[in-house]
Amino acid sequence: MKSLASKNVDVESFGVEYIDYLCNILKSISMNQIKDFVNILLNARENGSNIYFIGNGGSAATASHFANDIAIGTKEFKKPFRVISLCDNNAIITAIGNDDGFEKIFSQQLEVLLQEKDVVVAISASGNSINLLNAFDVAKRKGATTVGLSAFDGGKLKEKADISVHVPTNKGEYGPAEDAHMVLDHMVSNYLIHFLKN
């Protein structure tokens, strides 16, 4: 896929180019992969399973946003989506990072919380963050389902995930990758709202 041009252009031209490029990326995402992801979420709700979102940096913010939109935004309180972002407890994250290493900030939380039939959703542009891959190792050992939302070439996360939703961007294009992951958040959560009303 053609990358964003690295040339000296005015903000209007760059903005049009950026939006066009992002639209092309969004059109390249597999709808079958999104369907598989949605079915995992619906099955977890049906089973009363927990869904844990994890990510680093901008993807940590997206993980928190996903948790909010699916757990609270769907307004399903009698039979809810039990969604939690493991990015949001600074005391736990800094304790694990300080005592045992940043690569364990999610895997140690999952050692405590995760049960069989739960779901772990990892969000990463590169797909190679060791703390996410470690979390998937725990998930697989405990019999949970793993979902990877990746970009670039998908990295190791794409290979390890039971279900993969891949955003095909060029390596290093964090902006479009993270934009697309946020669009996925709003697409999926709004679909769930629509689905549950019918």
N, C-alpha and C. Protein backbone atom coordinates (compact mmCIF):
# COMPACT_ATOMS: atom_id res chain seq x y z
N MET A 1 0.85 -1.20 0.00
CA MET A 1 0.00 0.00 0.00
C MET A 1 0.88 1.25 0.00
N LYS A 2 0.50 2.22 -0.78
CA LYS A 2 1.26 3.46 -0.85
C LYS A 2 1.25 4.19 0.49
N SER A 3 2.43 4.64 0.92
CA SER A 3 2.53 5.34 2.20
C SER A 3 2.26 6.82 2.01
N LEU A 4 2.16 7.53 3.14
CA LEU A 4 2.02 8.98 3.09
C LEU A 4 3.26 9.59 2.47
N ALA A 5 3.07 10.53 1.60
CA ALA A 5 4.20 11.16 0.92
C ALA A 5 5.00 12.01 1.90
N SER A 6 6.31 11.92 1.81
CA SER A 6 7.17 12.75 2.66
C SER A 6 7.69 13.91 1.81
N LYS A 7 6.86 14.89 1.63
CA LYS A 7 7.24 16.04 0.84
C LYS A 7 6.70 17.30 1.50
N ASN A 8 7.21 18.40 1.07
CA ASN A 8 6.82 19.69 1.65
C ASN A 8 5.51 20.16 1.03
N VAL A 9 4.39 19.92 1.74
CA VAL A 9 3.08 20.33 1.24
C VAL A 9 2.38 21.16 2.30
N ASP A 10 1.39 21.92 1.88
CA ASP A 10 0.62 22.72 2.84
C ASP A 10 -0.31 21.80 3.64
N VAL A 11 -0.82 22.33 4.74
CA VAL A 11 -1.60 21.51 5.66
C VAL A 11 -2.87 20.98 5.01
N GLU A 12 -3.49 21.78 4.13
CA GLU A 12 -4.72 21.32 3.48
C GLU A 12 -4.45 20.12 2.59
N SER A 13 -3.39 20.19 1.80
CA SER A 13 -3.06 19.08 0.90
C SER A 13 -2.66 17.84 1.70
N PHE A 14 -1.88 18.06 2.76
CA PHE A 14 -1.48 16.93 3.59
C PHE A 14 -2.69 16.29 4.25
N GLY A 15 -3.63 17.14 4.73
CA GLY A 15 -4.83 16.62 5.37
C GLY A 15 -5.66 15.76 4.44
N VAL A 16 -5.83 16.22 3.22
CA VAL A 16 -6.58 15.44 2.23
C VAL A 16 -5.88 14.12 1.95
N GLU A 17 -4.57 14.17 1.80
CA GLU A 17 -3.78 12.97 1.53
C GLU A 17 -3.88 11.98 2.70
N TYR A 18 -3.79 12.51 3.91
CA TYR A 18 -3.85 11.66 5.10
C TYR A 18 -5.20 10.96 5.18
N ILE A 19 -6.28 11.71 5.00
CA ILE A 19 -7.62 11.12 5.08
C ILE A 19 -7.83 10.10 3.98
N ASP A 20 -7.37 10.40 2.76
CA ASP A 20 -7.50 9.44 1.66
C ASP A 20 -6.74 8.15 1.98
N TYR A 21 -5.55 8.31 2.53
CA TYR A 21 -4.73 7.15 2.88
C TYR A 21 -5.39 6.32 3.96
N LEU A 22 -5.93 7.00 4.99
CA LEU A 22 -6.61 6.29 6.06
C LEU A 22 -7.84 5.55 5.55
N CYS A 23 -8.57 6.18 4.65
CA CYS A 23 -9.75 5.51 4.06
C CYS A 23 -9.34 4.24 3.32
N ASN A 24 -8.24 4.30 2.58
CA ASN A 24 -7.76 3.12 1.86
C ASN A 24 -7.36 2.00 2.82
N ILE A 25 -6.73 2.38 3.93
CA ILE A 25 -6.36 1.38 4.93
C ILE A 25 -7.61 0.73 5.52
N LEU A 26 -8.60 1.54 5.88
CA LEU A 26 -9.82 1.00 6.48
C LEU A 26 -10.53 0.05 5.52
N LYS A 27 -10.53 0.37 4.24
CA LYS A 27 -11.18 -0.49 3.24
C LYS A 27 -10.43 -1.81 3.06
N SER A 28 -9.17 -1.84 3.49
CA SER A 28 -8.36 -3.05 3.32
C SER A 28 -8.49 -4.03 4.48
N ILE A 29 -9.14 -3.62 5.56
CA ILE A 29 -9.30 -4.51 6.72
C ILE A 29 -10.34 -5.59 6.38
N SER A 30 -10.04 -6.81 6.76
CA SER A 30 -10.94 -7.93 6.47
C SER A 30 -12.20 -7.86 7.32
N MET A 31 -13.35 -7.81 6.66
CA MET A 31 -14.62 -7.83 7.39
C MET A 31 -14.85 -9.18 8.05
N ASN A 32 -14.29 -10.24 7.49
CA ASN A 32 -14.41 -11.56 8.12
C ASN A 32 -13.67 -11.58 9.46
N GLN A 33 -12.52 -10.91 9.52
CA GLN A 33 -11.79 -10.83 10.78
C GLN A 33 -12.58 -10.05 11.81
N ILE A 34 -13.21 -8.95 11.39
CA ILE A 34 -14.03 -8.16 12.31
C ILE A 34 -15.22 -8.98 12.80
N LYS A 35 -15.84 -9.73 11.89
CA LYS A 35 -16.96 -10.59 12.26
C LYS A 35 -16.54 -11.61 13.31
N ASP A 36 -15.38 -12.22 13.13
CA ASP A 36 -14.87 -13.19 14.11
C ASP A 36 -14.67 -12.54 15.47
N PHE A 37 -14.14 -11.33 15.47
CA PHE A 37 -13.91 -10.57 16.70
C PHE A 37 -15.23 -10.30 17.42
N VAL A 38 -16.21 -9.83 16.68
CA VAL A 38 -17.52 -9.54 17.27
C VAL A 38 -18.15 -10.80 17.86
N ASN A 39 -18.03 -11.92 17.14
CA ASN A 39 -18.60 -13.17 17.65
C ASN A 39 -17.92 -13.61 18.95
N ILE A 40 -16.62 -13.37 19.06
CA ILE A 40 -15.91 -13.68 20.30
C ILE A 40 -16.48 -12.86 21.45
N LEU A 41 -16.71 -11.56 21.20
CA LEU A 41 -17.26 -10.69 22.24
C LEU A 41 -18.67 -11.13 22.65
N LEU A 42 -19.50 -11.46 21.66
CA LEU A 42 -20.87 -11.89 21.96
C LEU A 42 -20.88 -13.22 22.72
N ASN A 43 -19.99 -14.12 22.35
CA ASN A 43 -19.91 -15.40 23.05
C ASN A 43 -19.46 -15.20 24.50
N ALA A 44 -18.52 -14.28 24.70
CA ALA A 44 -18.06 -14.00 26.06
C ALA A 44 -19.20 -13.45 26.91
N ARG A 45 -19.99 -12.56 26.34
CA ARG A 45 -21.16 -12.03 27.06
C ARG A 45 -22.13 -13.15 27.40
N GLU A 46 -22.38 -14.01 26.44
CA GLU A 46 -23.32 -15.11 26.65
C GLU A 46 -22.84 -16.03 27.78
N ASN A 47 -21.53 -16.24 27.84
CA ASN A 47 -20.95 -17.15 28.84
C ASN A 47 -20.65 -16.48 30.18
N GLY A 48 -20.83 -15.16 30.25
CA GLY A 48 -20.47 -14.43 31.46
C GLY A 48 -18.97 -14.36 31.68
N SER A 49 -18.21 -14.47 30.59
CA SER A 49 -16.74 -14.43 30.67
C SER A 49 -16.23 -13.00 30.69
N ASN A 50 -15.05 -12.81 31.24
CA ASN A 50 -14.41 -11.50 31.23
C ASN A 50 -13.60 -11.30 29.96
N ILE A 51 -13.55 -10.05 29.54
CA ILE A 51 -12.78 -9.65 28.36
C ILE A 51 -11.75 -8.63 28.82
N TYR A 52 -10.47 -8.93 28.65
CA TYR A 52 -9.40 -8.06 29.10
C TYR A 52 -8.71 -7.43 27.89
N PHE A 53 -8.62 -6.09 27.89
CA PHE A 53 -7.91 -5.36 26.84
C PHE A 53 -6.55 -4.90 27.37
N ILE A 54 -5.53 -5.02 26.52
CA ILE A 54 -4.18 -4.60 26.89
C ILE A 54 -3.51 -3.91 25.70
N GLY A 55 -2.57 -3.02 26.01
CA GLY A 55 -1.81 -2.32 24.97
C GLY A 55 -0.83 -1.36 25.61
N ASN A 56 0.07 -0.82 24.83
CA ASN A 56 1.09 0.12 25.30
C ASN A 56 0.94 1.47 24.61
N GLY A 57 1.25 2.54 25.32
CA GLY A 57 1.25 3.87 24.70
C GLY A 57 -0.13 4.24 24.18
N GLY A 58 -0.18 4.67 22.92
CA GLY A 58 -1.46 5.01 22.31
C GLY A 58 -2.42 3.84 22.31
N SER A 59 -1.89 2.63 22.18
CA SER A 59 -2.74 1.44 22.20
C SER A 59 -3.30 1.17 23.59
N ALA A 60 -2.61 1.63 24.64
CA ALA A 60 -3.17 1.53 25.99
C ALA A 60 -4.41 2.43 26.10
N ALA A 61 -4.33 3.61 25.51
CA ALA A 61 -5.49 4.51 25.51
C ALA A 61 -6.64 3.89 24.73
N THR A 62 -6.32 3.24 23.62
CA THR A 62 -7.36 2.57 22.84
C THR A 62 -7.96 1.41 23.62
N ALA A 63 -7.13 0.68 24.36
CA ALA A 63 -7.64 -0.41 25.20
C ALA A 63 -8.65 0.11 26.22
N SER A 64 -8.33 1.23 26.86
CA SER A 64 -9.24 1.84 27.83
C SER A 64 -10.53 2.30 27.16
N HIS A 65 -10.39 2.86 25.97
CA HIS A 65 -11.55 3.36 25.23
C HIS A 65 -12.46 2.19 24.83
N PHE A 66 -11.87 1.10 24.36
CA PHE A 66 -12.63 -0.10 24.02
C PHE A 66 -13.42 -0.58 25.24
N ALA A 67 -12.73 -0.68 26.39
CA ALA A 67 -13.38 -1.17 27.60
C ALA A 67 -14.58 -0.30 27.97
N ASN A 68 -14.41 1.00 27.88
CA ASN A 68 -15.50 1.93 28.19
C ASN A 68 -16.67 1.73 27.23
N ASP A 69 -16.36 1.70 25.94
CA ASP A 69 -17.43 1.67 24.94
C ASP A 69 -18.22 0.37 24.95
N ILE A 70 -17.53 -0.75 25.22
CA ILE A 70 -18.23 -2.03 25.20
C ILE A 70 -18.90 -2.32 26.55
N ALA A 71 -18.19 -2.10 27.66
CA ALA A 71 -18.76 -2.42 28.97
C ALA A 71 -19.86 -1.44 29.37
N ILE A 72 -19.63 -0.16 29.15
CA ILE A 72 -20.57 0.86 29.62
C ILE A 72 -21.41 1.43 28.48
N GLY A 73 -20.80 1.65 27.34
CA GLY A 73 -21.50 2.28 26.22
C GLY A 73 -22.64 1.47 25.66
N THR A 74 -22.58 0.15 25.79
CA THR A 74 -23.67 -0.69 25.29
C THR A 74 -24.89 -0.68 26.21
N LYS A 75 -24.73 -0.17 27.45
CA LYS A 75 -25.84 -0.05 28.41
C LYS A 75 -26.51 -1.40 28.71
N GLU A 76 -25.72 -2.46 28.67
CA GLU A 76 -26.23 -3.79 28.99
C GLU A 76 -25.85 -4.14 30.42
N PHE A 77 -26.72 -3.87 31.35
CA PHE A 77 -26.40 -4.06 32.76
C PHE A 77 -26.97 -5.35 33.35
N LYS A 78 -28.07 -5.86 32.78
CA LYS A 78 -28.62 -7.12 33.26
C LYS A 78 -27.78 -8.29 32.76
N LYS A 79 -27.33 -8.20 31.52
CA LYS A 79 -26.45 -9.22 30.95
C LYS A 79 -25.31 -8.48 30.26
N PRO A 80 -24.34 -8.03 31.04
CA PRO A 80 -23.35 -7.10 30.50
C PRO A 80 -22.19 -7.77 29.76
N PHE A 81 -21.47 -6.94 29.04
CA PHE A 81 -20.14 -7.31 28.57
C PHE A 81 -19.19 -6.99 29.73
N ARG A 82 -18.52 -7.99 30.25
CA ARG A 82 -17.61 -7.79 31.39
C ARG A 82 -16.22 -7.45 30.84
N VAL A 83 -16.02 -6.18 30.54
CA VAL A 83 -14.79 -5.74 29.87
C VAL A 83 -13.95 -4.89 30.81
N ILE A 84 -12.66 -5.20 30.87
CA ILE A 84 -11.73 -4.50 31.76
C ILE A 84 -10.46 -4.18 30.98
N SER A 85 -9.98 -2.96 31.11
CA SER A 85 -8.66 -2.61 30.57
C SER A 85 -7.62 -2.81 31.67
N LEU A 86 -6.61 -3.61 31.40
CA LEU A 86 -5.53 -3.84 32.37
C LEU A 86 -4.46 -2.75 32.30
N CYS A 87 -4.75 -1.69 31.56
CA CYS A 87 -3.81 -0.56 31.41
C CYS A 87 -4.05 0.54 32.44
N ASP A 88 -5.10 0.41 33.24
CA ASP A 88 -5.60 1.58 33.97
C ASP A 88 -5.24 1.66 35.45
N ASN A 89 -4.65 0.63 36.03
CA ASN A 89 -4.29 0.68 37.45
C ASN A 89 -2.80 0.97 37.57
N ASN A 90 -2.49 2.25 37.76
CA ASN A 90 -1.08 2.66 37.79
C ASN A 90 -0.30 2.03 38.94
N ALA A 91 -0.95 1.82 40.07
CA ALA A 91 -0.25 1.22 41.20
C ALA A 91 0.21 -0.20 40.87
N ILE A 92 -0.69 -0.98 40.27
CA ILE A 92 -0.33 -2.35 39.90
C ILE A 92 0.73 -2.36 38.80
N ILE A 93 0.54 -1.54 37.78
CA ILE A 93 1.49 -1.52 36.65
C ILE A 93 2.88 -1.12 37.12
N THR A 94 2.96 -0.08 37.96
CA THR A 94 4.28 0.37 38.40
C THR A 94 4.91 -0.58 39.41
N ALA A 95 4.08 -1.24 40.20
CA ALA A 95 4.62 -2.23 41.14
C ALA A 95 5.26 -3.39 40.38
N ILE A 96 4.53 -3.93 39.41
CA ILE A 96 5.07 -5.05 38.64
C ILE A 96 6.27 -4.60 37.82
N GLY A 97 6.15 -3.45 37.17
CA GLY A 97 7.26 -2.94 36.35
C GLY A 97 8.51 -2.71 37.17
N ASN A 98 8.35 -2.14 38.36
CA ASN A 98 9.49 -1.84 39.21
C ASN A 98 10.10 -3.11 39.81
N ASP A 99 9.25 -4.03 40.25
CA ASP A 99 9.75 -5.20 40.99
C ASP A 99 10.17 -6.34 40.06
N ASP A 100 9.43 -6.55 38.98
CA ASP A 100 9.64 -7.75 38.17
C ASP A 100 9.90 -7.48 36.69
N GLY A 101 9.73 -6.22 36.26
CA GLY A 101 10.02 -5.89 34.88
C GLY A 101 8.77 -5.54 34.09
N PHE A 102 8.94 -4.56 33.18
CA PHE A 102 7.82 -4.06 32.38
C PHE A 102 7.23 -5.16 31.50
N GLU A 103 8.03 -6.13 31.15
CA GLU A 103 7.55 -7.19 30.27
C GLU A 103 6.50 -8.08 30.94
N LYS A 104 6.30 -7.91 32.27
CA LYS A 104 5.35 -8.74 33.01
C LYS A 104 4.11 -7.99 33.48
N ILE A 105 3.95 -6.73 33.05
CA ILE A 105 2.87 -5.92 33.62
C ILE A 105 1.48 -6.46 33.31
N PHE A 106 1.33 -7.17 32.21
CA PHE A 106 0.02 -7.74 31.89
C PHE A 106 -0.05 -9.22 32.27
N SER A 107 1.00 -9.95 32.04
CA SER A 107 0.97 -11.39 32.32
C SER A 107 0.75 -11.66 33.80
N GLN A 108 1.35 -10.87 34.68
CA GLN A 108 1.13 -11.10 36.11
C GLN A 108 -0.30 -10.78 36.53
N GLN A 109 -0.88 -9.74 35.94
CA GLN A 109 -2.29 -9.45 36.24
C GLN A 109 -3.18 -10.60 35.79
N LEU A 110 -2.87 -11.16 34.62
CA LEU A 110 -3.67 -12.26 34.10
C LEU A 110 -3.48 -13.53 34.92
N GLU A 111 -2.30 -13.71 35.47
CA GLU A 111 -2.09 -14.88 36.35
C GLU A 111 -3.07 -14.85 37.51
N VAL A 112 -3.41 -13.65 37.99
CA VAL A 112 -4.32 -13.49 39.12
C VAL A 112 -5.78 -13.55 38.67
N LEU A 113 -6.10 -12.89 37.57
CA LEU A 113 -7.49 -12.65 37.19
C LEU A 113 -8.09 -13.64 36.21
N LEU A 114 -7.28 -14.13 35.28
CA LEU A 114 -7.80 -14.84 34.11
C LEU A 114 -8.35 -16.22 34.46
N GLN A 115 -9.50 -16.52 33.86
CA GLN A 115 -10.11 -17.84 33.99
C GLN A 115 -10.34 -18.44 32.60
N GLU A 116 -10.51 -19.75 32.60
CA GLU A 116 -10.80 -20.43 31.34
C GLU A 116 -12.04 -19.82 30.69
N LYS A 117 -11.99 -19.70 29.38
CA LYS A 117 -13.07 -19.14 28.55
C LYS A 117 -13.13 -17.62 28.59
N ASP A 118 -12.24 -16.95 29.35
CA ASP A 118 -12.12 -15.50 29.24
C ASP A 118 -11.47 -15.14 27.91
N VAL A 119 -11.42 -13.85 27.62
CA VAL A 119 -10.85 -13.35 26.36
C VAL A 119 -9.80 -12.29 26.67
N VAL A 120 -8.68 -12.36 25.98
CA VAL A 120 -7.64 -11.33 26.09
C VAL A 120 -7.46 -10.69 24.72
N VAL A 121 -7.68 -9.37 24.66
CA VAL A 121 -7.53 -8.61 23.42
C VAL A 121 -6.31 -7.71 23.54
N ALA A 122 -5.31 -7.96 22.72
CA ALA A 122 -4.09 -7.14 22.72
C ALA A 122 -4.07 -6.24 21.50
N ILE A 123 -3.75 -4.96 21.74
CA ILE A 123 -3.72 -3.97 20.67
C ILE A 123 -2.28 -3.50 20.50
N SER A 124 -1.76 -3.59 19.28
CA SER A 124 -0.37 -3.19 19.03
C SER A 124 -0.16 -2.89 17.57
N ALA A 125 0.52 -1.78 17.28
CA ALA A 125 0.85 -1.47 15.89
C ALA A 125 1.89 -2.45 15.36
N SER A 126 2.98 -2.63 16.10
CA SER A 126 4.07 -3.50 15.63
C SER A 126 3.74 -4.98 15.79
N GLY A 127 2.97 -5.31 16.82
CA GLY A 127 2.69 -6.71 17.10
C GLY A 127 3.84 -7.45 17.76
N ASN A 128 4.83 -6.73 18.23
CA ASN A 128 6.03 -7.38 18.78
C ASN A 128 6.35 -6.99 20.22
N SER A 129 5.42 -6.37 20.92
CA SER A 129 5.67 -5.96 22.30
C SER A 129 5.72 -7.19 23.20
N ILE A 130 6.82 -7.36 23.90
CA ILE A 130 7.03 -8.58 24.68
C ILE A 130 6.01 -8.73 25.80
N ASN A 131 5.55 -7.62 26.37
CA ASN A 131 4.56 -7.76 27.46
C ASN A 131 3.21 -8.28 26.96
N LEU A 132 2.89 -7.98 25.71
CA LEU A 132 1.65 -8.49 25.12
C LEU A 132 1.81 -9.97 24.77
N LEU A 133 2.95 -10.33 24.22
CA LEU A 133 3.20 -11.72 23.86
C LEU A 133 3.24 -12.60 25.11
N ASN A 134 3.82 -12.09 26.20
CA ASN A 134 3.82 -12.83 27.46
C ASN A 134 2.40 -13.03 27.97
N ALA A 135 1.56 -12.01 27.80
CA ALA A 135 0.16 -12.12 28.23
C ALA A 135 -0.56 -13.21 27.43
N PHE A 136 -0.27 -13.30 26.14
CA PHE A 136 -0.88 -14.35 25.32
C PHE A 136 -0.43 -15.73 25.78
N ASP A 137 0.82 -15.85 26.20
CA ASP A 137 1.31 -17.14 26.71
C ASP A 137 0.50 -17.58 27.93
N VAL A 138 0.24 -16.65 28.84
CA VAL A 138 -0.57 -16.96 30.02
C VAL A 138 -1.99 -17.33 29.60
N ALA A 139 -2.55 -16.57 28.66
CA ALA A 139 -3.91 -16.82 28.20
C ALA A 139 -4.04 -18.22 27.61
N LYS A 140 -3.09 -18.60 26.79
CA LYS A 140 -3.16 -19.92 26.16
C LYS A 140 -3.03 -21.03 27.21
N ARG A 141 -2.16 -20.83 28.18
CA ARG A 141 -1.98 -21.84 29.23
C ARG A 141 -3.23 -22.00 30.08
N LYS A 142 -3.97 -20.91 30.26
CA LYS A 142 -5.16 -20.95 31.10
C LYS A 142 -6.45 -21.25 30.32
N GLY A 143 -6.34 -21.46 29.01
CA GLY A 143 -7.51 -21.81 28.22
C GLY A 143 -8.39 -20.65 27.83
N ALA A 144 -7.82 -19.46 27.76
CA ALA A 144 -8.57 -18.27 27.32
C ALA A 144 -8.39 -18.08 25.82
N THR A 145 -9.26 -17.28 25.23
CA THR A 145 -9.17 -16.95 23.80
C THR A 145 -8.39 -15.67 23.63
N THR A 146 -7.52 -15.62 22.62
CA THR A 146 -6.72 -14.43 22.37
C THR A 146 -7.13 -13.77 21.05
N VAL A 147 -7.19 -12.45 21.10
CA VAL A 147 -7.48 -11.64 19.91
C VAL A 147 -6.38 -10.60 19.77
N GLY A 148 -5.81 -10.49 18.59
CA GLY A 148 -4.77 -9.50 18.33
C GLY A 148 -5.25 -8.47 17.34
N LEU A 149 -5.21 -7.20 17.73
CA LEU A 149 -5.47 -6.08 16.81
C LEU A 149 -4.11 -5.48 16.47
N SER A 150 -3.64 -5.70 15.27
CA SER A 150 -2.28 -5.32 14.90
C SER A 150 -2.27 -4.40 13.69
N ALA A 151 -1.07 -3.94 13.33
CA ALA A 151 -0.86 -3.15 12.12
C ALA A 151 0.51 -3.55 11.54
N PHE A 152 1.12 -2.64 10.76
CA PHE A 152 2.39 -2.95 10.10
C PHE A 152 2.28 -4.32 9.41
N ASP A 153 3.19 -5.26 9.70
CA ASP A 153 3.06 -6.60 9.13
C ASP A 153 2.39 -7.59 10.08
N GLY A 154 1.91 -7.09 11.22
CA GLY A 154 1.22 -7.93 12.19
C GLY A 154 2.12 -8.47 13.28
N GLY A 155 3.41 -8.63 12.97
CA GLY A 155 4.37 -9.10 13.95
C GLY A 155 4.01 -10.46 14.54
N LYS A 156 4.60 -10.76 15.68
CA LYS A 156 4.38 -12.05 16.35
C LYS A 156 2.98 -12.15 16.94
N LEU A 157 2.39 -11.00 17.25
CA LEU A 157 1.04 -11.00 17.82
C LEU A 157 0.04 -11.63 16.85
N LYS A 158 0.16 -11.28 15.58
CA LYS A 158 -0.73 -11.82 14.56
C LYS A 158 -0.60 -13.33 14.47
N GLU A 159 0.62 -13.82 14.63
CA GLU A 159 0.86 -15.26 14.56
C GLU A 159 0.30 -16.00 15.78
N LYS A 160 0.41 -15.38 16.95
CA LYS A 160 0.01 -16.04 18.20
C LYS A 160 -1.49 -15.98 18.47
N ALA A 161 -2.17 -14.99 17.92
CA ALA A 161 -3.58 -14.76 18.25
C ALA A 161 -4.48 -15.86 17.70
N ASP A 162 -5.48 -16.25 18.49
CA ASP A 162 -6.51 -17.15 17.97
C ASP A 162 -7.32 -16.46 16.88
N ILE A 163 -7.63 -15.19 17.12
CA ILE A 163 -8.34 -14.36 16.15
C ILE A 163 -7.50 -13.12 15.91
N SER A 164 -7.27 -12.78 14.66
CA SER A 164 -6.46 -11.61 14.32
C SER A 164 -7.28 -10.63 13.50
N VAL A 165 -7.20 -9.35 13.88
CA VAL A 165 -7.75 -8.27 13.05
C VAL A 165 -6.56 -7.40 12.69
N HIS A 166 -6.16 -7.45 11.44
CA HIS A 166 -4.93 -6.79 11.00
C HIS A 166 -5.24 -5.54 10.19
N VAL A 167 -4.60 -4.44 10.58
CA VAL A 167 -4.69 -3.17 9.86
C VAL A 167 -3.43 -3.04 9.00
N PRO A 168 -3.55 -3.15 7.68
CA PRO A 168 -2.37 -3.19 6.81
C PRO A 168 -1.77 -1.82 6.54
N THR A 169 -0.84 -1.40 7.40
CA THR A 169 -0.13 -0.14 7.18
C THR A 169 1.34 -0.43 6.93
N ASN A 170 2.06 0.56 6.48
CA ASN A 170 3.50 0.43 6.36
C ASN A 170 4.14 0.52 7.74
N LYS A 171 5.30 -0.09 7.87
CA LYS A 171 6.01 -0.10 9.14
C LYS A 171 6.30 1.32 9.60
N GLY A 172 6.03 1.59 10.88
CA GLY A 172 6.31 2.90 11.46
C GLY A 172 5.18 3.90 11.37
N GLU A 173 4.09 3.56 10.70
CA GLU A 173 2.98 4.50 10.55
C GLU A 173 2.00 4.36 11.72
N TYR A 174 2.43 4.86 12.86
CA TYR A 174 1.65 4.71 14.08
C TYR A 174 0.35 5.49 14.02
N GLY A 175 0.37 6.68 13.45
CA GLY A 175 -0.85 7.50 13.39
C GLY A 175 -1.99 6.79 12.68
N PRO A 176 -1.82 6.41 11.41
CA PRO A 176 -2.89 5.70 10.72
C PRO A 176 -3.26 4.37 11.37
N ALA A 177 -2.27 3.66 11.90
CA ALA A 177 -2.55 2.38 12.56
C ALA A 177 -3.46 2.59 13.77
N GLU A 178 -3.12 3.55 14.61
CA GLU A 178 -3.91 3.80 15.81
C GLU A 178 -5.25 4.43 15.49
N ASP A 179 -5.29 5.26 14.44
CA ASP A 179 -6.58 5.79 13.98
C ASP A 179 -7.51 4.64 13.60
N ALA A 180 -6.99 3.70 12.84
CA ALA A 180 -7.81 2.57 12.38
C ALA A 180 -8.28 1.72 13.54
N HIS A 181 -7.44 1.53 14.54
CA HIS A 181 -7.86 0.75 15.71
C HIS A 181 -9.00 1.45 16.45
N MET A 182 -8.96 2.78 16.50
CA MET A 182 -10.05 3.51 17.14
C MET A 182 -11.33 3.43 16.32
N VAL A 183 -11.20 3.44 15.00
CA VAL A 183 -12.39 3.25 14.16
C VAL A 183 -12.99 1.87 14.43
N LEU A 184 -12.13 0.87 14.57
CA LEU A 184 -12.62 -0.48 14.89
C LEU A 184 -13.38 -0.47 16.22
N ASP A 185 -12.85 0.25 17.20
CA ASP A 185 -13.55 0.37 18.48
C ASP A 185 -14.97 0.89 18.27
N HIS A 186 -15.10 1.99 17.58
CA HIS A 186 -16.42 2.60 17.42
C HIS A 186 -17.32 1.79 16.50
N MET A 187 -16.74 1.16 15.47
CA MET A 187 -17.53 0.30 14.60
C MET A 187 -18.10 -0.88 15.38
N VAL A 188 -17.23 -1.56 16.14
CA VAL A 188 -17.65 -2.75 16.87
C VAL A 188 -18.63 -2.40 17.98
N SER A 189 -18.34 -1.37 18.76
CA SER A 189 -19.23 -1.03 19.88
C SER A 189 -20.58 -0.54 19.37
N ASN A 190 -20.60 0.22 18.29
CA ASN A 190 -21.88 0.67 17.75
C ASN A 190 -22.66 -0.48 17.13
N TYR A 191 -21.95 -1.44 16.52
CA TYR A 191 -22.65 -2.61 16.02
C TYR A 191 -23.29 -3.38 17.17
N LEU A 192 -22.56 -3.55 18.28
CA LEU A 192 -23.10 -4.27 19.42
C LEU A 192 -24.35 -3.59 19.96
N ILE A 193 -24.33 -2.27 20.04
CA ILE A 193 -25.53 -1.52 20.47
C ILE A 193 -26.69 -1.82 19.53
N HIS A 194 -26.43 -1.75 18.23
CA HIS A 194 -27.48 -2.03 17.22
C HIS A 194 -27.97 -3.46 17.34
N PHE A 195 -27.04 -4.41 17.47
CA PHE A 195 -27.40 -5.83 17.55
C PHE A 195 -28.29 -6.12 18.75
N LEU A 196 -27.97 -5.53 19.88
CA LEU A 196 -28.69 -5.84 21.11
C LEU A 196 -30.08 -5.18 21.16
N LYS A 197 -30.29 -4.18 20.32
CA LYS A 197 -31.60 -3.53 20.27
C LYS A 197 -32.57 -4.32 19.40
N ASN A 198 -32.06 -5.23 18.58
CA ASN A 198 -32.91 -5.95 17.61
C ASN A 198 -33.14 -7.39 18.04
